[in-house]
Amino acid sequence: MDLSGAVWRKSTRSDNGGSTCVEVATNLPQVVGVRDSKDRGGPALTFAPAAWAGFVAATRAGDLNPARH
């Protein structure tokens, strides 16, 4: 997957100290990229936009919180 045109942004949930930062690229037409900001040249995960939207919605709703299950 070519992510060379990706515009990466840091998650608003990343820790301020920079030790647990995640970056997301949502500007590509058919894929959402996710990477570790400490290893920008390393591997990135890719998701279909609908799958990413579902993950974000479930996270916001608290549906992925293991303490709730």
Protein backbone atom coordinates (compact mmCIF):
# COMPACT_ATOMS: atom_id res chain seq x y z
CA MET A 1 0.00 0.00 0.00
CA ASP A 2 1.47 3.34 -1.05
CA LEU A 3 1.08 5.84 1.78
CA SER A 4 3.53 8.39 0.37
CA GLY A 5 0.75 10.97 -0.08
CA ALA A 6 -0.55 10.52 3.45
CA VAL A 7 -0.97 13.59 5.62
CA TRP A 8 -0.40 12.36 9.17
CA ARG A 9 -1.90 13.96 12.28
CA LYS A 10 -1.38 13.02 15.89
CA SER A 11 -4.31 11.57 17.76
CA THR A 12 -5.94 13.95 20.21
CA ARG A 13 -5.83 11.06 22.70
CA SER A 14 -2.05 10.70 22.50
CA ASP A 15 -0.20 11.36 25.70
CA ASN A 16 1.40 14.80 26.01
CA GLY A 17 4.81 13.39 26.88
CA GLY A 18 5.05 11.80 23.46
CA SER A 19 5.62 8.28 24.71
CA THR A 20 2.36 6.80 23.41
CA CYS A 21 1.58 8.73 20.25
CA VAL A 22 -0.49 7.45 17.37
CA GLU A 23 -0.78 9.24 14.04
CA VAL A 24 -3.66 8.85 11.59
CA ALA A 25 -3.89 9.72 7.90
CA THR A 26 -7.44 10.17 6.62
CA ASN A 27 -6.74 12.11 3.43
CA LEU A 28 -6.32 9.13 1.10
CA PRO A 29 -9.41 8.09 -0.89
CA GLN A 30 -9.58 4.35 -0.16
CA VAL A 31 -7.59 3.82 3.01
CA VAL A 32 -6.96 5.18 6.50
CA GLY A 33 -3.40 4.80 7.78
CA VAL A 34 -2.36 4.45 11.42
CA ARG A 35 1.24 4.51 12.63
CA ASP A 36 3.42 4.94 15.70
CA SER A 37 4.82 8.48 15.68
CA LYS A 38 8.06 7.27 17.27
CA ASP A 39 8.71 5.03 14.23
CA ARG A 40 7.51 7.08 11.27
CA GLY A 41 9.50 5.00 8.82
CA GLY A 42 8.20 1.77 10.28
CA PRO A 43 5.08 -0.18 9.43
CA ALA A 44 1.63 1.34 9.31
CA LEU A 45 -1.73 -0.31 9.69
CA THR A 46 -4.33 0.38 7.02
CA PHE A 47 -8.10 0.22 7.27
CA ALA A 48 -11.03 0.69 4.93
CA PRO A 49 -12.60 4.09 5.71
CA ALA A 50 -15.89 2.46 6.82
CA ALA A 51 -14.05 0.11 9.20
CA TRP A 52 -12.11 3.03 10.68
CA ALA A 53 -15.30 5.07 11.11
CA GLY A 54 -16.89 2.11 12.93
CA PHE A 55 -13.87 1.77 15.22
CA VAL A 56 -13.90 5.49 16.06
CA ALA A 57 -17.66 5.44 16.72
CA ALA A 58 -17.37 2.38 18.98
CA THR A 59 -14.47 3.96 20.85
CA ARG A 60 -16.36 7.21 21.41
CA ALA A 61 -19.39 5.28 22.64
CA GLY A 62 -17.22 3.34 25.07
CA ASP A 63 -18.08 0.03 23.41
CA LEU A 64 -14.41 -1.03 23.28
CA ASN A 65 -13.82 -0.52 26.99
CA PRO A 66 -12.99 -3.99 28.42
CA ALA A 67 -14.27 -2.92 31.86
CA ARG A 68 -17.77 -2.66 30.38
CA HIS A 69 -17.88 -6.27 29.15
